[in-house]
Amino acid sequence: MDNVPAMSERNRYRLFRCLFFAWAAAMVVDPLAYAQEGPAKNEPVSPAISVSTSTSPTSPAASSGPTLASAMLLYRAKDYDKVSREYNALIVANPRSANAYSGLAHVYVKQVKLGDALSAAKKAVELEPANPIGHTALGEVYFRMGKITEAEAEFAPIVKAGQGYGRAYLGEARVSWASSYYKQAKRMIDLAHKLDSGDPEILDFWTDTENVEERIRNLKEELADPANTDPKRQEQLEQTLLLLTDAQVGHSACRTASKVSSLEVPFALLLNDPRTYRAVCLKLAINGTSATLMVDTGASGILIGSKIAAKAGVTRITKTSIGGIGDRGDQSGYIGHVDSIKLGDLEFHDCYVEVTDKRSALDDDGLVGADLFRNFLVDLDFSGRKFRLSELPPRPADGGSASSDAQDAAQSQNRYVAPEMKSYTPVFRLGHNLLVPTRINDSIVRLFLIDSGSMSNSISPVAAREVTKVGADSYTTVKGLSGSVKNVYRADKAILTFGHLRQQNQDIIGFDTTSISESAGTEVSGILGFATLGMLDVKIDYRDGLVDFTFDQQKWCQGTCR
């Protein structure tokens, strides 16, 4: 026995759960009612959750065929087609199984069958209104549908009551994180992890909030796990592990190397023709090599072509896949390290950049995401053709400290709205994506991506059909980093209201936004592109998830308006 390796916490827990589920099925007990550990110590505890059993000792499901336990294991193994069949078989056997409907809702979310997911989750709540599993499933469906406020209304009562269901705490953590309440999100995901560390989605979120050493340890364990057979997942894990290991030897995520409290530089213009422009650029120095990069609020960090990367001496770290709008799939590329990135007097050291092998996918030398400057208040004065940075207002808890790399640690604090930012619009921040609640035709509210890298406004056909007529458009071409979009539509009329502004759009472009939504983890129903943003002064507080939109007609007209 001396040669038997020690089993990791994760694998011990998985083995325990497999044995437990086998026992639970044999005892004809609904395993979902008992799959969680008890509530964390010192947390409020409600009376024990009572979940009705879905089968009887004489039913077929109790003696053979699918069970809730086997369906859960298939779900966690990501065999969604098979688990969908199992849950449907369970529902046929017992149409009043709330937990089977809840499980089916989770599967439909993964399959992006959101209408079916909503119906299944609502049925679960209807069958057992007091069951937190059904309400959690409904909350997760709402979150994926972009109805984050509605999702919060499902998760919060479960958490407040102290009901020990881990995925409800995971849901509350996701809502808090998207709303820039990072301290609250960390508390929620820690509780979720204590309740159910064997849930892969809980474990992923929890690991991402831990320190570098803990993340490396968990990544190594998952890579060594024989159950991890998804090639794309393995590639992502290997890339993350390489980057975190690289960070351990001194490479940080773009630390500021100069003491700059404010900066103003003019935008360079990306022209359509001598009289009009379709984007703005910044001229940066990468390892001393000049690069003109389009400012893209829909992107993250820096993306450059292989030619400029070779000239700048970018050190290759690991291969990666680079995706965006378009139907050709991800493009090949790599993540590289650069010693220096400089804009005016502002300089960053030890940064990662993405490099695409496909030069034609880029405008000029590449893209720069506005989140590169997230430690500052970012002022994108598109109409005035100026780029400005200034200090973020200090939080009371910060002791009056100004903007610095320490503000990256702001993701351990909750959103703070300074008095001078009371008029700003709260947005949901998911990764680099800034999603602003937008009312369409004074009717429905959906989430739109703030994307200065997209030339036009656009809307998903699903959202457009709720409020206006939609038709196919075979003449318009929509292109992104992943090539052209095959199916383009036109929405008859879309009045968009966001922040304090309102804009009428006729014949607005439409295309399927599923790939953007899957990346963000919530439904993105449209894009506010440069056609609108280019008329505005847009201020972004990445730290607190706040954006200010200002329209000055005279500035936009540049003296040409009557």
Protein backbone atom coordinates (compact mmCIF):
# COMPACT_ATOMS: atom_id res chain seq x y z
CA MET A 1 0.00 0.00 0.00
CA ASP A 2 2.98 2.31 0.33
CA ASN A 3 3.02 2.90 -3.42
CA VAL A 4 -0.60 4.02 -3.63
CA PRO A 5 -0.67 7.79 -4.20
CA ALA A 6 -2.59 9.95 -1.78
CA MET A 7 -6.04 10.78 -3.11
CA SER A 8 -6.75 14.50 -3.56
CA GLU A 9 -9.61 16.19 -1.73
CA ARG A 10 -11.51 16.52 -5.01
CA ASN A 11 -11.11 12.85 -5.99
CA ARG A 12 -11.90 11.60 -2.46
CA TYR A 13 -15.07 13.64 -2.59
CA ARG A 14 -16.00 12.29 -6.02
CA LEU A 15 -15.45 8.70 -4.86
CA PHE A 16 -17.54 9.34 -1.77
CA ARG A 17 -20.34 10.80 -3.88
CA CYS A 18 -20.35 7.85 -6.29
CA LEU A 19 -20.63 5.37 -3.39
CA PHE A 20 -23.23 7.51 -1.69
CA PHE A 21 -25.38 7.84 -4.81
CA ALA A 22 -25.30 4.08 -5.31
CA TRP A 23 -26.50 3.63 -1.74
CA ALA A 24 -29.13 6.35 -2.14
CA ALA A 25 -30.55 4.77 -5.27
CA ALA A 26 -30.74 1.39 -3.56
CA MET A 27 -32.61 2.97 -0.64
CA VAL A 28 -35.02 4.65 -3.07
CA VAL A 29 -34.21 8.09 -1.65
CA ASP A 30 -34.02 11.24 -3.77
CA PRO A 31 -30.25 11.91 -3.63
CA LEU A 32 -30.64 15.60 -4.43
CA ALA A 33 -32.28 16.08 -1.05
CA TYR A 34 -29.16 14.83 0.72
CA ALA A 35 -26.32 15.48 -1.73
CA GLN A 36 -25.11 18.55 0.15
CA GLU A 37 -23.10 18.76 3.31
CA GLY A 38 -24.66 20.67 6.21
CA PRO A 39 -24.60 24.47 6.41
CA ALA A 40 -21.32 26.10 7.28
CA LYS A 41 -20.67 26.63 10.96
CA ASN A 42 -22.15 29.85 12.33
CA GLU A 43 -24.40 30.23 9.28
CA PRO A 44 -28.17 30.52 9.79
CA VAL A 45 -29.87 27.14 9.56
CA SER A 46 -33.45 26.59 8.49
CA PRO A 47 -35.49 23.47 9.28
CA ALA A 48 -34.40 20.43 7.31
CA ILE A 49 -35.39 20.58 3.66
CA SER A 50 -38.20 18.17 2.94
CA VAL A 51 -38.18 16.90 -0.64
CA SER A 52 -40.76 14.33 -1.66
CA THR A 53 -39.43 11.10 -3.13
CA SER A 54 -40.12 10.67 -6.84
CA THR A 55 -40.38 6.89 -6.95
CA SER A 56 -41.87 4.05 -4.99
CA PRO A 57 -40.15 0.71 -4.24
CA THR A 58 -42.26 -0.94 -6.93
CA SER A 59 -41.66 1.62 -9.70
CA PRO A 60 -39.40 0.72 -12.64
CA ALA A 61 -37.09 3.64 -11.92
CA ALA A 62 -36.37 2.23 -8.46
CA SER A 63 -35.25 -1.15 -9.70
CA SER A 64 -33.68 -0.40 -13.04
CA GLY A 65 -33.08 2.35 -15.58
CA PRO A 66 -32.23 5.97 -14.94
CA THR A 67 -32.22 7.52 -11.49
CA LEU A 68 -31.74 11.06 -10.25
CA ALA A 69 -28.32 9.95 -9.00
CA SER A 70 -27.18 8.59 -12.36
CA ALA A 71 -28.58 11.64 -14.15
CA MET A 72 -26.60 13.97 -11.88
CA LEU A 73 -23.39 12.04 -12.57
CA LEU A 74 -24.01 12.30 -16.33
CA TYR A 75 -24.65 16.03 -15.98
CA ARG A 76 -21.36 16.52 -14.19
CA ALA A 77 -19.67 14.46 -16.88
CA LYS A 78 -21.19 16.89 -19.43
CA ASP A 79 -23.02 14.15 -21.35
CA TYR A 80 -25.97 16.47 -21.89
CA ASP A 81 -27.78 14.57 -24.66
CA LYS A 82 -27.87 11.38 -22.62
CA VAL A 83 -28.77 13.07 -19.35
CA SER A 84 -31.60 14.90 -21.11
CA ARG A 85 -33.04 11.54 -22.13
CA GLU A 86 -32.66 10.24 -18.57
CA TYR A 87 -34.44 13.17 -16.97
CA ASN A 88 -37.27 12.94 -19.51
CA ALA A 89 -37.58 9.21 -18.77
CA LEU A 90 -37.79 9.99 -15.06
CA ILE A 91 -40.53 12.53 -15.72
CA VAL A 92 -42.49 10.00 -17.78
CA ALA A 93 -42.17 7.54 -14.88
CA ASN A 94 -43.21 10.16 -12.33
CA PRO A 95 -44.66 13.40 -13.75
CA ARG A 96 -44.56 15.02 -10.30
CA SER A 97 -40.78 14.74 -9.83
CA ALA A 98 -39.80 18.37 -9.17
CA ASN A 99 -36.14 17.46 -8.97
CA ALA A 100 -36.22 15.78 -12.37
CA TYR A 101 -37.67 18.97 -13.87
CA SER A 102 -34.98 20.99 -12.09
CA GLY A 103 -32.25 18.78 -13.47
CA LEU A 104 -33.75 18.98 -16.94
CA ALA A 105 -33.73 22.78 -16.71
CA HIS A 106 -29.96 22.72 -16.00
CA VAL A 107 -29.41 20.49 -19.04
CA TYR A 108 -31.47 22.70 -21.34
CA VAL A 109 -29.42 25.73 -20.26
CA LYS A 110 -26.26 23.91 -21.31
CA GLN A 111 -27.89 23.02 -24.63
CA VAL A 112 -29.00 26.68 -25.06
CA LYS A 113 -32.66 25.64 -25.17
CA LEU A 114 -33.67 28.53 -22.97
CA GLY A 115 -37.41 28.40 -23.62
CA ASP A 116 -37.50 24.71 -22.66
CA ALA A 117 -35.27 25.41 -19.64
CA LEU A 118 -37.64 28.10 -18.39
CA SER A 119 -40.67 25.83 -18.76
CA ALA A 120 -38.95 22.97 -16.90
CA ALA A 121 -37.77 25.20 -14.04
CA LYS A 122 -41.18 26.81 -13.63
CA LYS A 123 -42.77 23.35 -13.54
CA ALA A 124 -40.36 22.32 -10.76
CA VAL A 125 -41.34 25.37 -8.69
CA GLU A 126 -45.03 24.74 -9.37
CA LEU A 127 -44.76 21.13 -8.16
CA GLU A 128 -42.81 21.95 -4.98
CA PRO A 129 -42.89 25.67 -4.15
CA ALA A 130 -40.81 25.23 -0.97
CA ASN A 131 -38.05 23.22 -2.65
CA PRO A 132 -34.87 25.35 -3.01
CA ILE A 133 -33.63 23.12 -5.83
CA GLY A 134 -36.42 24.25 -8.14
CA HIS A 135 -36.01 27.93 -7.28
CA THR A 136 -32.25 27.66 -7.83
CA ALA A 137 -32.80 26.07 -11.23
CA LEU A 138 -35.19 28.89 -12.13
CA GLY A 139 -32.61 31.45 -10.96
CA GLU A 140 -29.92 29.88 -13.13
CA VAL A 141 -32.24 29.94 -16.14
CA TYR A 142 -33.02 33.61 -15.52
CA PHE A 143 -29.30 34.43 -15.22
CA ARG A 144 -28.54 32.76 -18.55
CA MET A 145 -31.49 34.61 -20.14
CA GLY A 146 -29.95 37.93 -19.08
CA LYS A 147 -32.61 38.50 -16.40
CA ILE A 148 -30.10 38.98 -13.62
CA THR A 149 -32.44 40.88 -11.30
CA GLU A 150 -35.00 38.08 -11.57
CA ALA A 151 -32.26 35.53 -10.88
CA GLU A 152 -31.29 37.38 -7.71
CA ALA A 153 -34.91 37.19 -6.53
CA GLU A 154 -34.73 33.37 -6.71
CA PHE A 155 -31.33 32.90 -5.04
CA ALA A 156 -31.53 35.51 -2.25
CA PRO A 157 -34.37 34.01 -0.15
CA ILE A 158 -32.64 30.60 -0.11
CA VAL A 159 -29.37 32.14 1.03
CA LYS A 160 -31.07 34.43 3.55
CA ALA A 161 -32.91 31.47 5.08
CA GLY A 162 -29.66 29.53 5.38
CA GLN A 163 -30.94 26.56 3.39
CA GLY A 164 -27.93 24.40 2.73
CA TYR A 165 -28.05 24.09 -1.05
CA GLY A 166 -24.68 24.91 -2.61
CA ARG A 167 -25.85 25.93 -6.07
CA ALA A 168 -28.07 28.67 -4.61
CA TYR A 169 -24.95 30.20 -3.05
CA LEU A 170 -23.15 29.77 -6.38
CA GLY A 171 -25.98 31.65 -8.09
CA GLU A 172 -25.81 34.46 -5.53
CA ALA A 173 -22.02 34.62 -6.04
CA ARG A 174 -22.44 34.98 -9.81
CA VAL A 175 -25.00 37.76 -9.45
CA SER A 176 -22.80 39.58 -6.91
CA TRP A 177 -19.71 39.26 -9.11
CA ALA A 178 -21.51 40.54 -12.21
CA SER A 179 -22.76 43.50 -10.12
CA SER A 180 -19.23 44.35 -8.86
CA TYR A 181 -19.99 43.23 -5.29
CA TYR A 182 -16.80 41.19 -5.14
CA LYS A 183 -16.48 40.87 -1.37
CA GLN A 184 -20.00 39.51 -1.16
CA ALA A 185 -19.36 37.18 -4.10
CA LYS A 186 -16.29 35.73 -2.38
CA ARG A 187 -18.26 35.03 0.79
CA MET A 188 -21.01 33.31 -1.19
CA ILE A 189 -18.69 31.10 -3.23
CA ASP A 190 -16.74 30.09 -0.12
CA LEU A 191 -20.01 28.94 1.45
CA ALA A 192 -20.99 27.14 -1.76
CA HIS A 193 -17.64 25.34 -1.75
CA LYS A 194 -18.12 24.24 1.87
CA LEU A 195 -21.55 22.88 1.02
CA ASP A 196 -20.64 21.08 -2.22
CA SER A 197 -16.98 21.12 -3.24
CA GLY A 198 -17.67 18.24 -5.63
CA ASP A 199 -19.78 20.35 -7.96
CA PRO A 200 -17.43 21.22 -10.87
CA GLU A 201 -19.06 24.60 -11.50
CA ILE A 202 -18.79 25.60 -7.85
CA LEU A 203 -15.21 24.37 -7.81
CA ASP A 204 -14.30 26.36 -10.95
CA PHE A 205 -15.73 29.62 -9.59
CA TRP A 206 -14.16 29.06 -6.17
CA THR A 207 -10.75 28.22 -7.64
CA ASP A 208 -10.77 31.42 -9.71
CA THR A 209 -11.14 33.46 -6.51
CA GLU A 210 -8.26 31.77 -4.69
CA ASN A 211 -4.57 32.73 -4.64
CA VAL A 212 -2.14 31.62 -7.34
CA GLU A 213 -0.78 28.65 -5.39
CA GLU A 214 -4.23 27.25 -4.69
CA ARG A 215 -5.30 27.72 -8.31
CA ILE A 216 -2.20 25.93 -9.59
CA ARG A 217 -2.81 23.01 -7.22
CA ASN A 218 -6.43 22.63 -8.31
CA LEU A 219 -5.55 22.92 -12.00
CA LYS A 220 -2.97 20.16 -11.68
CA GLU A 221 -5.49 17.94 -9.91
CA GLU A 222 -8.12 18.45 -12.58
CA LEU A 223 -5.64 17.81 -15.39
CA ALA A 224 -4.62 14.55 -13.70
CA ASP A 225 -8.23 13.45 -13.20
CA PRO A 226 -9.10 10.55 -15.57
CA ALA A 227 -12.67 11.88 -15.76
CA ASN A 228 -11.44 15.00 -17.58
CA THR A 229 -11.78 13.84 -21.19
CA ASP A 230 -12.87 17.10 -22.87
CA PRO A 231 -9.98 18.19 -25.17
CA LYS A 232 -11.07 21.85 -25.22
CA ARG A 233 -11.32 21.91 -21.44
CA GLN A 234 -7.88 20.30 -21.12
CA GLU A 235 -6.39 22.92 -23.45
CA GLN A 236 -7.91 25.72 -21.39
CA LEU A 237 -6.56 24.20 -18.17
CA GLU A 238 -3.08 23.79 -19.62
CA GLN A 239 -3.01 27.39 -20.87
CA THR A 240 -4.15 28.76 -17.52
CA LEU A 241 -1.62 26.62 -15.68
CA LEU A 242 1.22 27.87 -17.88
CA LEU A 243 0.22 31.49 -17.34
CA LEU A 244 -0.13 31.12 -13.58
CA THR A 245 3.21 29.32 -13.38
CA ASP A 246 4.76 32.10 -15.45
CA ALA A 247 3.24 34.65 -13.06
CA GLN A 248 4.91 32.89 -10.13
CA VAL A 249 8.34 33.67 -11.54
CA GLY A 250 7.72 37.40 -11.61
CA HIS A 251 5.45 38.14 -14.54
CA SER A 252 2.38 40.02 -13.33
CA ALA A 253 -0.68 41.22 -15.20
CA CYS A 254 0.60 44.56 -16.47
CA ARG A 255 1.83 46.38 -13.38
CA THR A 256 2.09 50.14 -13.69
CA ALA A 257 5.73 51.20 -13.94
CA SER A 258 5.22 54.97 -13.94
CA LYS A 259 3.57 57.35 -11.50
CA VAL A 260 0.86 58.87 -13.64
CA SER A 261 -2.33 60.17 -12.07
CA SER A 262 -3.84 61.56 -15.28
CA LEU A 263 -3.25 61.45 -19.02
CA GLU A 264 -4.75 62.91 -22.18
CA VAL A 265 -3.83 61.94 -25.74
CA PRO A 266 -5.63 62.42 -29.07
CA PHE A 267 -7.25 59.50 -30.80
CA ALA A 268 -5.93 58.45 -34.18
CA LEU A 269 -8.80 57.85 -36.62
CA LEU A 270 -9.57 54.72 -38.62
CA LEU A 271 -11.11 56.17 -41.76
CA ASN A 272 -13.92 54.90 -43.92
CA ASP A 273 -13.18 57.64 -46.43
CA PRO A 274 -11.58 61.10 -46.27
CA ARG A 275 -14.65 62.55 -44.52
CA THR A 276 -15.83 59.80 -42.15
CA TYR A 277 -14.21 57.45 -39.67
CA ARG A 278 -15.44 54.18 -38.23
CA ALA A 279 -13.21 53.66 -35.21
CA VAL A 280 -10.57 55.34 -33.08
CA CYS A 281 -7.07 54.13 -32.31
CA LEU A 282 -4.28 54.68 -29.79
CA LYS A 283 -0.63 54.75 -30.72
CA LEU A 284 1.25 52.63 -28.21
CA ALA A 285 4.82 51.38 -27.97
CA ILE A 286 5.17 47.63 -27.40
CA ASN A 287 8.72 46.84 -26.33
CA GLY A 288 9.60 50.15 -27.98
CA THR A 289 7.91 49.21 -31.29
CA SER A 290 5.19 51.60 -32.44
CA ALA A 291 1.74 50.05 -32.91
CA THR A 292 -1.57 51.65 -33.85
CA LEU A 293 -4.32 49.75 -32.04
CA MET A 294 -8.07 50.17 -32.41
CA VAL A 295 -9.81 50.99 -29.11
CA ASP A 296 -12.27 48.16 -28.48
CA THR A 297 -14.45 48.13 -25.37
CA GLY A 298 -15.68 44.70 -26.46
CA ALA A 299 -12.19 43.18 -26.23
CA SER A 300 -9.73 42.54 -23.41
CA GLY A 301 -6.07 43.47 -23.15
CA ILE A 302 -4.08 43.68 -26.36
CA LEU A 303 -4.41 41.64 -29.55
CA ILE A 304 -1.84 42.12 -32.32
CA GLY A 305 -0.86 40.44 -35.56
CA SER A 306 2.14 38.12 -35.91
CA LYS A 307 4.09 40.66 -37.97
CA ILE A 308 4.06 43.38 -35.31
CA ALA A 309 4.63 40.73 -32.61
CA ALA A 310 7.81 39.55 -34.34
CA LYS A 311 9.02 43.11 -34.74
CA ALA A 312 8.38 43.84 -31.04
CA GLY A 313 10.10 40.65 -29.90
CA VAL A 314 7.06 39.17 -28.14
CA THR A 315 8.05 36.06 -26.15
CA ARG A 316 5.69 33.18 -26.88
CA ILE A 317 4.21 31.56 -23.76
CA THR A 318 1.46 29.22 -24.95
CA LYS A 319 -0.82 28.66 -27.93
CA THR A 320 -4.41 29.88 -27.75
CA SER A 321 -7.59 30.12 -29.78
CA ILE A 322 -8.91 33.58 -30.62
CA GLY A 323 -12.60 34.00 -31.29
CA GLY A 324 -15.12 36.72 -31.93
CA ILE A 325 -18.08 37.52 -34.14
CA GLY A 326 -18.30 35.29 -37.22
CA ASP A 327 -19.11 31.71 -38.20
CA ARG A 328 -15.65 30.36 -39.08
CA GLY A 329 -14.78 29.38 -35.53
CA ASP A 330 -11.79 30.31 -33.43
CA GLN A 331 -8.57 31.44 -35.10
CA SER A 332 -5.14 30.11 -34.17
CA GLY A 333 -2.77 32.27 -32.18
CA TYR A 334 -0.69 32.44 -29.04
CA ILE A 335 -0.29 34.30 -25.78
CA GLY A 336 2.99 36.14 -25.46
CA HIS A 337 4.85 38.20 -22.90
CA VAL A 338 6.16 41.71 -23.42
CA ASP A 339 8.41 43.69 -21.13
CA SER A 340 6.85 47.09 -21.75
CA ILE A 341 3.71 48.79 -23.08
CA LYS A 342 3.77 52.57 -23.19
CA LEU A 343 1.15 55.24 -23.91
CA GLY A 344 2.45 58.76 -23.45
CA ASP A 345 3.99 58.92 -19.97
CA LEU A 346 2.07 55.87 -18.80
CA GLU A 347 4.02 52.63 -18.88
CA PHE A 348 3.18 49.05 -17.97
CA HIS A 349 5.68 46.27 -17.38
CA ASP A 350 5.35 42.49 -17.67
CA CYS A 351 2.19 42.16 -19.75
CA TYR A 352 0.57 39.37 -21.67
CA VAL A 353 -0.69 39.99 -25.20
CA GLU A 354 -2.58 37.80 -27.64
CA VAL A 355 -1.17 37.29 -31.11
CA THR A 356 -3.28 36.13 -34.03
CA ASP A 357 -1.77 34.25 -36.95
CA LYS A 358 -4.41 35.71 -39.27
CA ARG A 359 -3.36 39.28 -40.07
CA SER A 360 -6.48 40.03 -42.15
CA ALA A 361 -8.69 39.69 -39.07
CA LEU A 362 -7.31 42.96 -37.66
CA ASP A 363 -7.58 46.64 -38.43
CA ASP A 364 -4.16 48.31 -38.51
CA ASP A 365 -1.79 46.60 -36.04
CA GLY A 366 -4.41 45.21 -33.66
CA LEU A 367 -6.84 45.98 -30.85
CA VAL A 368 -6.52 47.40 -27.36
CA GLY A 369 -9.28 46.69 -24.87
CA ALA A 370 -10.23 49.62 -22.65
CA ASP A 371 -9.89 47.28 -19.66
CA LEU A 372 -6.09 47.56 -19.99
CA PHE A 373 -6.57 50.87 -18.16
CA ARG A 374 -9.01 49.48 -15.58
CA ASN A 375 -7.10 50.98 -12.63
CA PHE A 376 -8.13 54.45 -13.84
CA LEU A 377 -11.34 56.22 -14.68
CA VAL A 378 -11.33 55.72 -18.46
CA ASP A 379 -12.74 58.61 -20.48
CA LEU A 380 -13.36 57.73 -24.12
CA ASP A 381 -14.34 61.10 -25.55
CA PHE A 382 -15.19 59.76 -28.99
CA SER A 383 -16.99 62.90 -30.11
CA GLY A 384 -14.08 65.11 -28.98
CA ARG A 385 -11.50 62.61 -30.29
CA LYS A 386 -9.65 62.52 -26.96
CA PHE A 387 -8.56 59.68 -24.67
CA ARG A 388 -8.24 60.57 -20.99
CA LEU A 389 -7.32 58.76 -17.80
CA SER A 390 -7.79 60.09 -14.28
CA GLU A 391 -7.78 58.77 -10.75
CA LEU A 392 -10.73 56.81 -9.51
CA PRO A 393 -12.41 58.35 -6.47
CA PRO A 394 -10.93 56.77 -3.34
CA ARG A 395 -13.19 54.53 -1.33
CA PRO A 396 -13.70 55.41 2.32
CA ALA A 397 -12.21 52.04 3.27
CA ASP A 398 -9.08 52.73 1.19
CA GLY A 399 -7.90 55.48 3.53
CA GLY A 400 -7.84 58.03 0.72
CA SER A 401 -5.46 56.10 -1.54
CA ALA A 402 -5.65 56.95 -5.24
CA SER A 403 -5.54 54.77 -8.34
CA SER A 404 -2.73 52.25 -8.45
CA ASP A 405 -2.12 48.62 -9.19
CA ALA A 406 -3.58 48.02 -5.75
CA GLN A 407 -6.93 48.80 -7.35
CA ASP A 408 -6.78 45.36 -8.94
CA ALA A 409 -7.37 44.24 -5.36
CA ALA A 410 -10.67 46.13 -5.66
CA GLN A 411 -12.07 42.77 -6.65
CA SER A 412 -12.02 41.96 -2.94
CA GLN A 413 -14.40 44.88 -2.22
CA ASN A 414 -17.99 45.77 -3.04
CA ARG A 415 -19.17 48.42 -5.49
CA TYR A 416 -18.72 51.98 -4.25
CA VAL A 417 -20.64 54.81 -5.89
CA ALA A 418 -18.83 58.07 -5.13
CA PRO A 419 -20.98 61.22 -4.75
CA GLU A 420 -19.68 62.58 -8.05
CA MET A 421 -20.76 59.34 -9.80
CA LYS A 422 -24.38 59.26 -8.64
CA SER A 423 -25.53 59.92 -12.21
CA TYR A 424 -23.51 57.03 -13.68
CA THR A 425 -25.31 53.93 -14.94
CA PRO A 426 -24.60 50.62 -13.15
CA VAL A 427 -23.67 47.92 -15.65
CA PHE A 428 -23.04 44.22 -15.34
CA ARG A 429 -19.39 43.33 -15.81
CA LEU A 430 -18.66 39.75 -16.82
CA GLY A 431 -14.96 39.43 -17.56
CA HIS A 432 -14.16 42.30 -19.89
CA ASN A 433 -17.75 42.51 -21.12
CA LEU A 434 -19.70 45.59 -20.04
CA LEU A 435 -23.43 44.89 -20.36
CA VAL A 436 -25.83 47.79 -20.02
CA PRO A 437 -29.57 47.25 -19.43
CA THR A 438 -31.26 48.64 -22.54
CA ARG A 439 -34.95 49.18 -23.12
CA ILE A 440 -36.14 48.27 -26.63
CA ASN A 441 -39.12 50.14 -28.08
CA ASP A 442 -40.24 51.23 -24.58
CA SER A 443 -41.20 47.62 -24.01
CA ILE A 444 -38.65 45.05 -22.91
CA VAL A 445 -35.29 45.49 -21.14
CA ARG A 446 -32.37 43.42 -22.37
CA LEU A 447 -28.58 43.46 -21.96
CA PHE A 448 -26.51 45.14 -24.70
CA LEU A 449 -22.73 44.91 -25.02
CA ILE A 450 -20.82 48.22 -25.07
CA ASP A 451 -18.55 47.52 -28.04
CA SER A 452 -16.63 50.34 -29.71
CA GLY A 453 -14.94 47.75 -31.94
CA SER A 454 -18.23 47.01 -33.67
CA MET A 455 -19.07 49.55 -36.35
CA SER A 456 -22.86 49.33 -36.14
CA ASN A 457 -25.51 48.77 -33.53
CA SER A 458 -27.05 45.33 -33.74
CA ILE A 459 -29.74 43.24 -32.10
CA SER A 460 -30.36 39.51 -31.79
CA PRO A 461 -33.30 38.26 -33.87
CA VAL A 462 -34.78 36.66 -30.75
CA ALA A 463 -34.96 40.00 -28.92
CA ALA A 464 -36.04 41.90 -32.03
CA ARG A 465 -38.98 39.57 -32.72
CA GLU A 466 -40.41 40.41 -29.30
CA VAL A 467 -41.00 44.03 -30.30
CA THR A 468 -40.80 44.49 -34.08
CA LYS A 469 -40.71 42.85 -37.51
CA VAL A 470 -37.58 40.97 -38.58
CA GLY A 471 -36.53 39.96 -42.09
CA ALA A 472 -33.51 38.37 -43.74
CA ASP A 473 -30.82 40.64 -45.23
CA SER A 474 -28.70 39.01 -47.92
CA TYR A 475 -26.91 42.22 -48.89
CA THR A 476 -25.21 43.23 -45.64
CA THR A 477 -21.95 41.64 -44.49
CA VAL A 478 -21.10 41.41 -40.80
CA LYS A 479 -17.49 40.45 -40.07
CA GLY A 480 -15.47 39.85 -36.94
CA LEU A 481 -12.39 38.00 -35.72
CA SER A 482 -14.06 34.71 -36.64
CA GLY A 483 -14.93 35.70 -40.20
CA SER A 484 -18.30 36.63 -41.65
CA VAL A 485 -21.73 35.98 -40.18
CA LYS A 486 -23.74 33.70 -42.47
CA ASN A 487 -27.25 34.79 -41.56
CA VAL A 488 -27.87 38.53 -41.23
CA TYR A 489 -31.25 40.09 -40.50
CA ARG A 490 -32.87 43.52 -40.34
CA ALA A 491 -35.17 44.64 -37.55
CA ASP A 492 -37.78 47.12 -38.71
CA LYS A 493 -37.56 49.57 -35.81
CA ALA A 494 -35.68 49.62 -32.53
CA ILE A 495 -35.72 52.58 -30.15
CA LEU A 496 -32.88 51.94 -27.71
CA THR A 497 -32.89 53.59 -24.28
CA PHE A 498 -29.75 53.19 -22.17
CA GLY A 499 -28.25 55.32 -19.41
CA HIS A 500 -29.90 58.73 -19.81
CA LEU A 501 -30.03 58.49 -23.61
CA ARG A 502 -32.54 57.38 -26.18
CA GLN A 503 -31.82 56.63 -29.82
CA GLN A 504 -34.10 55.59 -32.65
CA ASN A 505 -32.74 52.96 -35.04
CA GLN A 506 -34.36 52.09 -38.35
CA ASP A 507 -33.50 48.83 -40.11
CA ILE A 508 -31.08 47.83 -37.37
CA ILE A 509 -28.77 44.91 -38.21
CA GLY A 510 -29.53 41.59 -36.53
CA PHE A 511 -27.56 38.38 -36.11
CA ASP A 512 -27.36 35.44 -33.74
CA THR A 513 -25.48 36.52 -30.59
CA THR A 514 -25.29 33.03 -29.02
CA SER A 515 -21.48 32.85 -29.16
CA ILE A 516 -21.18 36.19 -27.33
CA SER A 517 -23.78 35.10 -24.79
CA GLU A 518 -22.07 31.77 -24.15
CA SER A 519 -18.78 33.55 -23.58
CA ALA A 520 -20.38 36.03 -21.16
CA GLY A 521 -22.51 33.40 -19.42
CA THR A 522 -25.67 35.46 -19.84
CA GLU A 523 -27.86 36.51 -22.75
CA VAL A 524 -26.45 39.41 -24.77
CA SER A 525 -29.35 40.71 -26.84
CA GLY A 526 -27.50 43.33 -28.84
CA ILE A 527 -24.50 45.57 -29.32
CA LEU A 528 -24.08 49.32 -28.90
CA GLY A 529 -21.47 49.89 -31.59
CA PHE A 530 -19.41 52.80 -32.80
CA ALA A 531 -22.32 54.18 -34.81
CA THR A 532 -23.76 55.26 -31.46
CA LEU A 533 -20.72 55.39 -29.18
CA GLY A 534 -18.84 57.55 -31.69
CA MET A 535 -21.23 60.41 -30.94
CA LEU A 536 -20.67 60.20 -27.17
CA ASP A 537 -18.27 60.85 -24.36
CA VAL A 538 -18.15 57.50 -22.50
CA LYS A 539 -16.61 57.28 -19.03
CA ILE A 540 -15.94 53.82 -17.58
CA ASP A 541 -15.25 52.86 -13.98
CA TYR A 542 -14.23 49.21 -14.31
CA ARG A 543 -13.63 48.93 -10.57
CA ASP A 544 -17.23 49.59 -9.62
CA GLY A 545 -19.06 48.62 -12.81
CA LEU A 546 -20.26 52.14 -13.64
CA VAL A 547 -20.55 53.89 -17.02
CA ASP A 548 -21.53 57.44 -17.95
CA PHE A 549 -22.86 58.29 -21.43
CA THR A 550 -22.89 61.96 -22.45
CA PHE A 551 -24.04 63.41 -25.74
CA ASP A 552 -22.87 66.93 -26.67
CA GLN A 553 -24.35 67.79 -30.05
CA GLN A 554 -21.99 70.69 -30.79
CA LYS A 555 -18.90 68.66 -29.94
CA TRP A 556 -20.09 65.77 -32.11
CA CYS A 557 -20.89 68.08 -35.02
CA GLN A 558 -17.40 69.64 -34.79
CA GLY A 559 -18.94 72.99 -35.72
CA THR A 560 -20.80 71.67 -38.80
CA CYS A 561 -24.30 71.50 -37.27
CA ARG A 562 -26.82 74.24 -37.98
